Amino acid sequence: IAATALLFIPLDNNALNISVVIITFLLITFTK
């Protein structure tokens, strides 16, 4: 969780970055 936060903090808080993070999390969690 700390590594995730440290990698995400330097990014701009725009819709593209947040959606990429959310979509990646959902793909890892709910698909094979």
Full PDB file with SEQRES, HELIX, SHEET, SSBOND, CRYST1, ORIGX, SCALE, CONECT and MASTER records, all heavy atoms in Angstrom:
SEQRES   1 A   32  ILE ALA ALA THR ALA LEU LEU PHE ILE PRO LEU ASP ASN          
SEQRES   2 A   32  ASN ALA LEU ASN ILE SER VAL VAL ILE ILE THR PHE LEU          
SEQRES   3 A   32  LEU ILE THR PHE THR LYS                                      
HELIX    1 AA1 ALA A    2  PHE A    8  1                                   7    
HELIX    2 AA2 ALA A   15  PHE A   30  1                                  16    
CRYST1    1.000    1.000    1.000  90.00  90.00  90.00 P 1           1          
ORIGX1      1.000000  0.000000  0.000000        0.00000                         
ORIGX2      0.000000  1.000000  0.000000        0.00000                         
ORIGX3      0.000000  0.000000  1.000000        0.00000                         
SCALE1      1.000000  0.000000  0.000000        0.00000                         
SCALE2      0.000000  1.000000  0.000000        0.00000                         
SCALE3      0.000000  0.000000  1.000000        0.00000                         
ATOM      1  N   ILE A   1       0.833  -1.204   0.000  1.00  0.00           N  
ATOM      2  CA  ILE A   1       0.000   0.000   0.000  1.00  0.00           C  
ATOM      3  C   ILE A   1       0.866   1.252   0.000  1.00  0.00           C  
ATOM      4  O   ILE A   1       0.595   2.217  -0.724  1.00  0.00           O  
ATOM      5  CB  ILE A   1      -0.964  -0.025   1.197  1.00  0.00           C  
ATOM      6  CG1 ILE A   1      -1.994  -1.134   0.998  1.00  0.00           C  
ATOM      7  CG2 ILE A   1      -1.653   1.319   1.386  1.00  0.00           C  
ATOM      8  CD1 ILE A   1      -2.845  -1.416   2.207  1.00  0.00           C  
ATOM      9  N   ALA A   2       1.944   1.256   0.784  1.00  0.00           N  
ATOM     10  CA  ALA A   2       2.845   2.408   0.814  1.00  0.00           C  
ATOM     11  C   ALA A   2       3.520   2.608  -0.541  1.00  0.00           C  
ATOM     12  O   ALA A   2       3.652   3.745  -1.012  1.00  0.00           O  
ATOM     13  CB  ALA A   2       3.891   2.222   1.909  1.00  0.00           C  
ATOM     14  N   ALA A   3       3.952   1.525  -1.181  1.00  0.00           N  
ATOM     15  CA  ALA A   3       4.582   1.638  -2.501  1.00  0.00           C  
ATOM     16  C   ALA A   3       3.584   2.169  -3.523  1.00  0.00           C  
ATOM     17  O   ALA A   3       3.940   3.000  -4.372  1.00  0.00           O  
ATOM     18  CB  ALA A   3       5.119   0.276  -2.942  1.00  0.00           C  
ATOM     19  N   THR A   4       2.345   1.721  -3.434  1.00  0.00           N  
ATOM     20  CA  THR A   4       1.316   2.224  -4.336  1.00  0.00           C  
ATOM     21  C   THR A   4       1.115   3.719  -4.148  1.00  0.00           C  
ATOM     22  O   THR A   4       1.039   4.477  -5.121  1.00  0.00           O  
ATOM     23  CB  THR A   4      -0.016   1.478  -4.085  1.00  0.00           C  
ATOM     24  OG1 THR A   4       0.207   0.072  -4.259  1.00  0.00           O  
ATOM     25  CG2 THR A   4      -1.085   1.943  -5.035  1.00  0.00           C  
ATOM     26  N   ALA A   5       1.043   4.149  -2.902  1.00  0.00           N  
ATOM     27  CA  ALA A   5       0.857   5.577  -2.631  1.00  0.00           C  
ATOM     28  C   ALA A   5       2.054   6.386  -3.119  1.00  0.00           C  
ATOM     29  O   ALA A   5       1.887   7.447  -3.734  1.00  0.00           O  
ATOM     30  CB  ALA A   5       0.633   5.799  -1.138  1.00  0.00           C  
ATOM     31  N   LEU A   6       3.264   5.899  -2.879  1.00  0.00           N  
ATOM     32  CA  LEU A   6       4.457   6.630  -3.306  1.00  0.00           C  
ATOM     33  C   LEU A   6       4.565   6.720  -4.828  1.00  0.00           C  
ATOM     34  O   LEU A   6       5.081   7.704  -5.363  1.00  0.00           O  
ATOM     35  CB  LEU A   6       5.718   5.973  -2.734  1.00  0.00           C  
ATOM     36  CG  LEU A   6       5.912   6.153  -1.230  1.00  0.00           C  
ATOM     37  CD1 LEU A   6       7.089   5.308  -0.754  1.00  0.00           C  
ATOM     38  CD2 LEU A   6       6.136   7.620  -0.892  1.00  0.00           C  
ATOM     39  N   LEU A   7       4.080   5.706  -5.526  1.00  0.00           N  
ATOM     40  CA  LEU A   7       4.107   5.761  -6.982  1.00  0.00           C  
ATOM     41  C   LEU A   7       2.994   6.639  -7.540  1.00  0.00           C  
ATOM     42  O   LEU A   7       3.117   7.204  -8.620  1.00  0.00           O  
ATOM     43  CB  LEU A   7       4.002   4.347  -7.567  1.00  0.00           C  
ATOM     44  CG  LEU A   7       5.227   3.469  -7.392  1.00  0.00           C  
ATOM     45  CD1 LEU A   7       4.921   2.040  -7.836  1.00  0.00           C  
ATOM     46  CD2 LEU A   7       6.405   4.022  -8.153  1.00  0.00           C  
ATOM     47  N   PHE A   8       1.882   6.752  -6.805  1.00  0.00           N  
ATOM     48  CA  PHE A   8       0.742   7.517  -7.313  1.00  0.00           C  
ATOM     49  C   PHE A   8       0.848   9.003  -6.987  1.00  0.00           C  
ATOM     50  O   PHE A   8       0.338   9.832  -7.733  1.00  0.00           O  
ATOM     51  CB  PHE A   8      -0.561   6.945  -6.737  1.00  0.00           C  
ATOM     52  CG  PHE A   8      -1.788   7.529  -7.372  1.00  0.00           C  
ATOM     53  CD1 PHE A   8      -2.145   7.163  -8.652  1.00  0.00           C  
ATOM     54  CD2 PHE A   8      -2.574   8.444  -6.704  1.00  0.00           C  
ATOM     55  CE1 PHE A   8      -3.259   7.701  -9.256  1.00  0.00           C  
ATOM     56  CE2 PHE A   8      -3.696   8.985  -7.291  1.00  0.00           C  
ATOM     57  CZ  PHE A   8      -4.042   8.610  -8.581  1.00  0.00           C  
ATOM     58  N   ILE A   9       1.518   9.362  -5.901  1.00  0.00           N  
ATOM     59  CA  ILE A   9       1.577  10.768  -5.464  1.00  0.00           C  
ATOM     60  C   ILE A   9       2.172  11.697  -6.530  1.00  0.00           C  
ATOM     61  O   ILE A   9       1.634  12.778  -6.756  1.00  0.00           O  
ATOM     62  CB  ILE A   9       2.325  10.884  -4.122  1.00  0.00           C  
ATOM     63  CG1 ILE A   9       1.428  10.361  -3.005  1.00  0.00           C  
ATOM     64  CG2 ILE A   9       2.751  12.310  -3.831  1.00  0.00           C  
ATOM     65  CD1 ILE A   9       2.111  10.249  -1.665  1.00  0.00           C  
ATOM     66  N   PRO A  10       3.267  11.332  -7.215  1.00  0.00           N  
ATOM     67  CA  PRO A  10       3.820  12.270  -8.205  1.00  0.00           C  
ATOM     68  C   PRO A  10       2.936  12.475  -9.436  1.00  0.00           C  
ATOM     69  O   PRO A  10       3.159  13.400 -10.204  1.00  0.00           O  
ATOM     70  CB  PRO A  10       5.151  11.642  -8.622  1.00  0.00           C  
ATOM     71  CG  PRO A  10       5.440  10.591  -7.646  1.00  0.00           C  
ATOM     72  CD  PRO A  10       4.152  10.197  -7.020  1.00  0.00           C  
ATOM     73  N   LEU A  11       1.950  11.626  -9.656  1.00  0.00           N  
ATOM     74  CA  LEU A  11       1.101  11.751 -10.843  1.00  0.00           C  
ATOM     75  C   LEU A  11       0.129  12.905 -10.691  1.00  0.00           C  
ATOM     76  O   LEU A  11      -0.262  13.282  -9.588  1.00  0.00           O  
ATOM     77  CB  LEU A  11       0.310  10.457 -11.065  1.00  0.00           C  
ATOM     78  CG  LEU A  11       1.111   9.207 -11.376  1.00  0.00           C  
ATOM     79  CD1 LEU A  11       0.184   8.018 -11.479  1.00  0.00           C  
ATOM     80  CD2 LEU A  11       1.887   9.372 -12.657  1.00  0.00           C  
ATOM     81  N   ASP A  12      -0.275  13.447 -11.817  1.00  0.00           N  
ATOM     82  CA  ASP A  12      -1.328  14.456 -11.800  1.00  0.00           C  
ATOM     83  C   ASP A  12      -2.646  13.792 -11.424  1.00  0.00           C  
ATOM     84  O   ASP A  12      -2.940  12.673 -11.853  1.00  0.00           O  
ATOM     85  CB  ASP A  12      -1.474  15.104 -13.180  1.00  0.00           C  
ATOM     86  CG  ASP A  12      -0.240  15.888 -13.588  1.00  0.00           C  
ATOM     87  OD1 ASP A  12       0.458  16.364 -12.674  1.00  0.00           O  
ATOM     88  OD2 ASP A  12       0.008  16.015 -14.796  1.00  0.00           O  
ATOM     89  N   ASN A  13      -3.436  14.481 -10.631  1.00  0.00           N  
ATOM     90  CA  ASN A  13      -4.749  13.947 -10.244  1.00  0.00           C  
ATOM     91  C   ASN A  13      -5.780  14.322 -11.306  1.00  0.00           C  
ATOM     92  O   ASN A  13      -6.588  15.221 -11.128  1.00  0.00           O  
ATOM     93  CB  ASN A  13      -5.168  14.483  -8.876  1.00  0.00           C  
ATOM     94  CG  ASN A  13      -4.355  13.875  -7.768  1.00  0.00           C  
ATOM     95  OD1 ASN A  13      -3.897  12.759  -7.889  1.00  0.00           O  
ATOM     96  ND2 ASN A  13      -4.163  14.609  -6.694  1.00  0.00           N  
ATOM     97  N   ASN A  14      -5.732  13.598 -12.417  1.00  0.00           N  
ATOM     98  CA  ASN A  14      -6.737  13.814 -13.448  1.00  0.00           C  
ATOM     99  C   ASN A  14      -7.529  12.534 -13.660  1.00  0.00           C  
ATOM    100  O   ASN A  14      -7.205  11.481 -13.115  1.00  0.00           O  
ATOM    101  CB  ASN A  14      -6.094  14.321 -14.750  1.00  0.00           C  
ATOM    102  CG  ASN A  14      -5.055  13.366 -15.293  1.00  0.00           C  
ATOM    103  OD1 ASN A  14      -5.120  12.172 -15.069  1.00  0.00           O  
ATOM    104  ND2 ASN A  14      -4.081  13.913 -16.016  1.00  0.00           N  
ATOM    105  N   ALA A  15      -8.561  12.626 -14.461  1.00  0.00           N  
ATOM    106  CA  ALA A  15      -9.466  11.491 -14.651  1.00  0.00           C  
ATOM    107  C   ALA A  15      -8.764  10.306 -15.306  1.00  0.00           C  
ATOM    108  O   ALA A  15      -9.052   9.155 -14.972  1.00  0.00           O  
ATOM    109  CB  ALA A  15     -10.672  11.921 -15.480  1.00  0.00           C  
ATOM    110  N   LEU A  16      -7.832  10.574 -16.212  1.00  0.00           N  
ATOM    111  CA  LEU A  16      -7.132   9.481 -16.895  1.00  0.00           C  
ATOM    112  C   LEU A  16      -6.317   8.647 -15.923  1.00  0.00           C  
ATOM    113  O   LEU A  16      -6.420   7.410 -15.909  1.00  0.00           O  
ATOM    114  CB  LEU A  16      -6.228  10.033 -17.999  1.00  0.00           C  
ATOM    115  CG  LEU A  16      -5.377   8.990 -18.732  1.00  0.00           C  
ATOM    116  CD1 LEU A  16      -6.277   8.037 -19.510  1.00  0.00           C  
ATOM    117  CD2 LEU A  16      -4.368   9.659 -19.620  1.00  0.00           C  
ATOM    118  N   ASN A  17      -5.506   9.276 -15.093  1.00  0.00           N  
ATOM    119  CA  ASN A  17      -4.661   8.534 -14.154  1.00  0.00           C  
ATOM    120  C   ASN A  17      -5.487   7.753 -13.140  1.00  0.00           C  
ATOM    121  O   ASN A  17      -5.197   6.589 -12.851  1.00  0.00           O  
ATOM    122  CB  ASN A  17      -3.713   9.488 -13.436  1.00  0.00           C  
ATOM    123  CG  ASN A  17      -2.645  10.028 -14.345  1.00  0.00           C  
ATOM    124  OD1 ASN A  17      -2.326   9.425 -15.358  1.00  0.00           O  
ATOM    125  ND2 ASN A  17      -2.109  11.174 -14.001  1.00  0.00           N  
ATOM    126  N   ILE A  18      -6.506   8.396 -12.607  1.00  0.00           N  
ATOM    127  CA  ILE A  18      -7.347   7.709 -11.613  1.00  0.00           C  
ATOM    128  C   ILE A  18      -8.101   6.552 -12.248  1.00  0.00           C  
ATOM    129  O   ILE A  18      -8.195   5.465 -11.671  1.00  0.00           O  
ATOM    130  CB  ILE A  18      -8.297   8.721 -10.944  1.00  0.00           C  
ATOM    131  CG1 ILE A  18      -7.473   9.715 -10.121  1.00  0.00           C  
ATOM    132  CG2 ILE A  18      -9.324   8.018 -10.070  1.00  0.00           C  
ATOM    133  CD1 ILE A  18      -8.256  10.869  -9.566  1.00  0.00           C  
ATOM    134  N   SER A  19      -8.613   6.736 -13.469  1.00  0.00           N  
ATOM    135  CA  SER A  19      -9.338   5.646 -14.122  1.00  0.00           C  
ATOM    136  C   SER A  19      -8.409   4.491 -14.476  1.00  0.00           C  
ATOM    137  O   SER A  19      -8.800   3.321 -14.375  1.00  0.00           O  
ATOM    138  CB  SER A  19     -10.068   6.157 -15.361  1.00  0.00           C  
ATOM    139  OG  SER A  19      -9.147   6.643 -16.306  1.00  0.00           O  
ATOM    140  N   VAL A  20      -7.166   4.781 -14.868  1.00  0.00           N  
ATOM    141  CA  VAL A  20      -6.213   3.704 -15.171  1.00  0.00           C  
ATOM    142  C   VAL A  20      -5.932   2.884 -13.919  1.00  0.00           C  
ATOM    143  O   VAL A  20      -5.891   1.652 -13.962  1.00  0.00           O  
ATOM    144  CB  VAL A  20      -4.908   4.275 -15.777  1.00  0.00           C  
ATOM    145  CG1 VAL A  20      -3.805   3.241 -15.776  1.00  0.00           C  
ATOM    146  CG2 VAL A  20      -5.151   4.773 -17.172  1.00  0.00           C  
ATOM    147  N   VAL A  21      -5.756   3.553 -12.785  1.00  0.00           N  
ATOM    148  CA  VAL A  21      -5.507   2.844 -11.533  1.00  0.00           C  
ATOM    149  C   VAL A  21      -6.710   1.973 -11.161  1.00  0.00           C  
ATOM    150  O   VAL A  21      -6.558   0.799 -10.806  1.00  0.00           O  
ATOM    151  CB  VAL A  21      -5.171   3.839 -10.398  1.00  0.00           C  
ATOM    152  CG1 VAL A  21      -5.169   3.148  -9.055  1.00  0.00           C  
ATOM    153  CG2 VAL A  21      -3.833   4.495 -10.658  1.00  0.00           C  
ATOM    154  N   ILE A  22      -7.898   2.521 -11.255  1.00  0.00           N  
ATOM    155  CA  ILE A  22      -9.107   1.771 -10.886  1.00  0.00           C  
ATOM    156  C   ILE A  22      -9.334   0.597 -11.831  1.00  0.00           C  
ATOM    157  O   ILE A  22      -9.614  -0.522 -11.391  1.00  0.00           O  
ATOM    158  CB  ILE A  22     -10.329   2.713 -10.842  1.00  0.00           C  
ATOM    159  CG1 ILE A  22     -10.186   3.692  -9.680  1.00  0.00           C  
ATOM    160  CG2 ILE A  22     -11.624   1.919 -10.735  1.00  0.00           C  
ATOM    161  CD1 ILE A  22     -11.217   4.796  -9.666  1.00  0.00           C  
ATOM    162  N   ILE A  23      -9.181   0.829 -13.129  1.00  0.00           N  
ATOM    163  CA  ILE A  23      -9.388  -0.255 -14.101  1.00  0.00           C  
ATOM    164  C   ILE A  23      -8.344  -1.356 -13.912  1.00  0.00           C  
ATOM    165  O   ILE A  23      -8.674  -2.544 -13.958  1.00  0.00           O  
ATOM    166  CB  ILE A  23      -9.357   0.308 -15.538  1.00  0.00           C  
ATOM    167  CG1 ILE A  23     -10.613   1.142 -15.790  1.00  0.00           C  
ATOM    168  CG2 ILE A  23      -9.236  -0.802 -16.566  1.00  0.00           C  
ATOM    169  CD1 ILE A  23     -10.573   1.948 -17.060  1.00  0.00           C  
ATOM    170  N   THR A  24      -7.095  -0.978 -13.669  1.00  0.00           N  
ATOM    171  CA  THR A  24      -6.052  -1.987 -13.431  1.00  0.00           C  
ATOM    172  C   THR A  24      -6.358  -2.810 -12.188  1.00  0.00           C  
ATOM    173  O   THR A  24      -6.233  -4.041 -12.199  1.00  0.00           O  
ATOM    174  CB  THR A  24      -4.685  -1.305 -13.296  1.00  0.00           C  
ATOM    175  OG1 THR A  24      -4.430  -0.526 -14.456  1.00  0.00           O  
ATOM    176  CG2 THR A  24      -3.587  -2.332 -13.117  1.00  0.00           C  
ATOM    177  N   PHE A  25      -6.769  -2.143 -11.121  1.00  0.00           N  
ATOM    178  CA  PHE A  25      -7.125  -2.864  -9.893  1.00  0.00           C  
ATOM    179  C   PHE A  25      -8.270  -3.840 -10.154  1.00  0.00           C  
ATOM    180  O   PHE A  25      -8.219  -4.996  -9.722  1.00  0.00           O  
ATOM    181  CB  PHE A  25      -7.515  -1.880  -8.792  1.00  0.00           C  
ATOM    182  CG  PHE A  25      -8.030  -2.542  -7.554  1.00  0.00           C  
ATOM    183  CD1 PHE A  25      -7.172  -3.167  -6.678  1.00  0.00           C  
ATOM    184  CD2 PHE A  25      -9.391  -2.564  -7.281  1.00  0.00           C  
ATOM    185  CE1 PHE A  25      -7.639  -3.801  -5.543  1.00  0.00           C  
ATOM    186  CE2 PHE A  25      -9.871  -3.192  -6.147  1.00  0.00           C  
ATOM    187  CZ  PHE A  25      -8.994  -3.809  -5.279  1.00  0.00           C  
ATOM    188  N   LEU A  26      -9.293  -3.402 -10.867  1.00  0.00           N  
ATOM    189  CA  LEU A  26     -10.431  -4.279 -11.154  1.00  0.00           C  
ATOM    190  C   LEU A  26     -10.031  -5.450 -12.047  1.00  0.00           C  
ATOM    191  O   LEU A  26     -10.497  -6.575 -11.834  1.00  0.00           O  
ATOM    192  CB  LEU A  26     -11.563  -3.473 -11.794  1.00  0.00           C  
ATOM    193  CG  LEU A  26     -12.221  -2.434 -10.887  1.00  0.00           C  
ATOM    194  CD1 LEU A  26     -13.218  -1.596 -11.675  1.00  0.00           C  
ATOM    195  CD2 LEU A  26     -12.895  -3.094  -9.702  1.00  0.00           C  
ATOM    196  N   LEU A  27      -9.164  -5.193 -13.028  1.00  0.00           N  
ATOM    197  CA  LEU A  27      -8.711  -6.285 -13.890  1.00  0.00           C  
ATOM    198  C   LEU A  27      -7.907  -7.320 -13.111  1.00  0.00           C  
ATOM    199  O   LEU A  27      -8.071  -8.529 -13.303  1.00  0.00           O  
ATOM    200  CB  LEU A  27      -7.870  -5.731 -15.043  1.00  0.00           C  
ATOM    201  CG  LEU A  27      -8.634  -5.042 -16.164  1.00  0.00           C  
ATOM    202  CD1 LEU A  27      -7.662  -4.388 -17.136  1.00  0.00           C  
ATOM    203  CD2 LEU A  27      -9.525  -6.015 -16.888  1.00  0.00           C  
ATOM    204  N   ILE A  28      -7.040  -6.864 -12.220  1.00  0.00           N  
ATOM    205  CA  ILE A  28      -6.229  -7.796 -11.434  1.00  0.00           C  
ATOM    206  C   ILE A  28      -7.103  -8.571 -10.455  1.00  0.00           C  
ATOM    207  O   ILE A  28      -6.909  -9.770 -10.238  1.00  0.00           O  
ATOM    208  CB  ILE A  28      -5.108  -7.043 -10.698  1.00  0.00           C  
ATOM    209  CG1 ILE A  28      -4.066  -6.572 -11.693  1.00  0.00           C  
ATOM    210  CG2 ILE A  28      -4.452  -7.919  -9.634  1.00  0.00           C  
ATOM    211  CD1 ILE A  28      -3.010  -5.671 -11.097  1.00  0.00           C  
ATOM    212  N   THR A  29      -8.089  -7.898  -9.878  1.00  0.00           N  
ATOM    213  CA  THR A  29      -8.907  -8.521  -8.839  1.00  0.00           C  
ATOM    214  C   THR A  29      -9.948  -9.480  -9.408  1.00  0.00           C  
ATOM    215  O   THR A  29     -10.144 -10.570  -8.867  1.00  0.00           O  
ATOM    216  CB  THR A  29      -9.604  -7.434  -7.999  1.00  0.00           C  
ATOM    217  OG1 THR A  29      -8.614  -6.553  -7.474  1.00  0.00           O  
ATOM    218  CG2 THR A  29     -10.383  -8.055  -6.850  1.00  0.00           C  
ATOM    219  N   PHE A  30     -10.601  -9.106 -10.489  1.00  0.00           N  
ATOM    220  CA  PHE A  30     -11.783  -9.855 -10.927  1.00  0.00           C  
ATOM    221  C   PHE A  30     -11.615 -10.625 -12.224  1.00  0.00           C  
ATOM    222  O   PHE A  30     -12.578 -11.243 -12.690  1.00  0.00           O  
ATOM    223  CB  PHE A  30     -12.978  -8.904 -11.053  1.00  0.00           C  
ATOM    224  CG  PHE A  30     -13.370  -8.279  -9.743  1.00  0.00           C  
ATOM    225  CD1 PHE A  30     -13.215  -6.928  -9.533  1.00  0.00           C  
ATOM    226  CD2 PHE A  30     -13.876  -9.058  -8.708  1.00  0.00           C  
ATOM    227  CE1 PHE A  30     -13.557  -6.350  -8.328  1.00  0.00           C  
ATOM    228  CE2 PHE A  30     -14.223  -8.491  -7.507  1.00  0.00           C  
ATOM    229  CZ  PHE A  30     -14.064  -7.136  -7.310  1.00  0.00           C  
ATOM    230  N   THR A  31     -10.460 -10.602 -12.835  1.00  0.00           N  
ATOM    231  CA  THR A  31     -10.256 -11.395 -14.048  1.00  0.00           C  
ATOM    232  C   THR A  31      -9.074 -12.334 -13.836  1.00  0.00           C  
ATOM    233  O   THR A  31      -8.367 -12.241 -12.845  1.00  0.00           O  
ATOM    234  CB  THR A  31      -9.968 -10.500 -15.274  1.00  0.00           C  
ATOM    235  OG1 THR A  31      -8.726  -9.842 -15.090  1.00  0.00           O  
ATOM    236  CG2 THR A  31     -11.086  -9.499 -15.502  1.00  0.00           C  
ATOM    237  N   LYS A  32      -8.884 -13.213 -14.780  1.00  0.00           N  
ATOM    238  CA  LYS A  32      -7.764 -14.151 -14.700  1.00  0.00           C  
ATOM    239  C   LYS A  32      -6.661 -13.782 -15.680  1.00  0.00           C  
ATOM    240  O   LYS A  32      -5.848 -14.617 -16.054  1.00  0.00           O  
ATOM    241  CB  LYS A  32      -8.256 -15.571 -14.964  1.00  0.00           C  
ATOM    242  CG  LYS A  32      -9.174 -16.075 -13.884  1.00  0.00           C  
ATOM    243  CD  LYS A  32      -9.521 -17.524 -14.070  1.00  0.00           C  
ATOM    244  CE  LYS A  32     -10.420 -17.969 -12.925  1.00  0.00           C  
ATOM    245  NZ  LYS A  32     -10.624 -19.393 -12.901  1.00  0.00           N  
TER     246      LYS A  32                                                      
MASTER        0    0    0    2    0    0    0    6  245    1    0    3          
END                                                                             
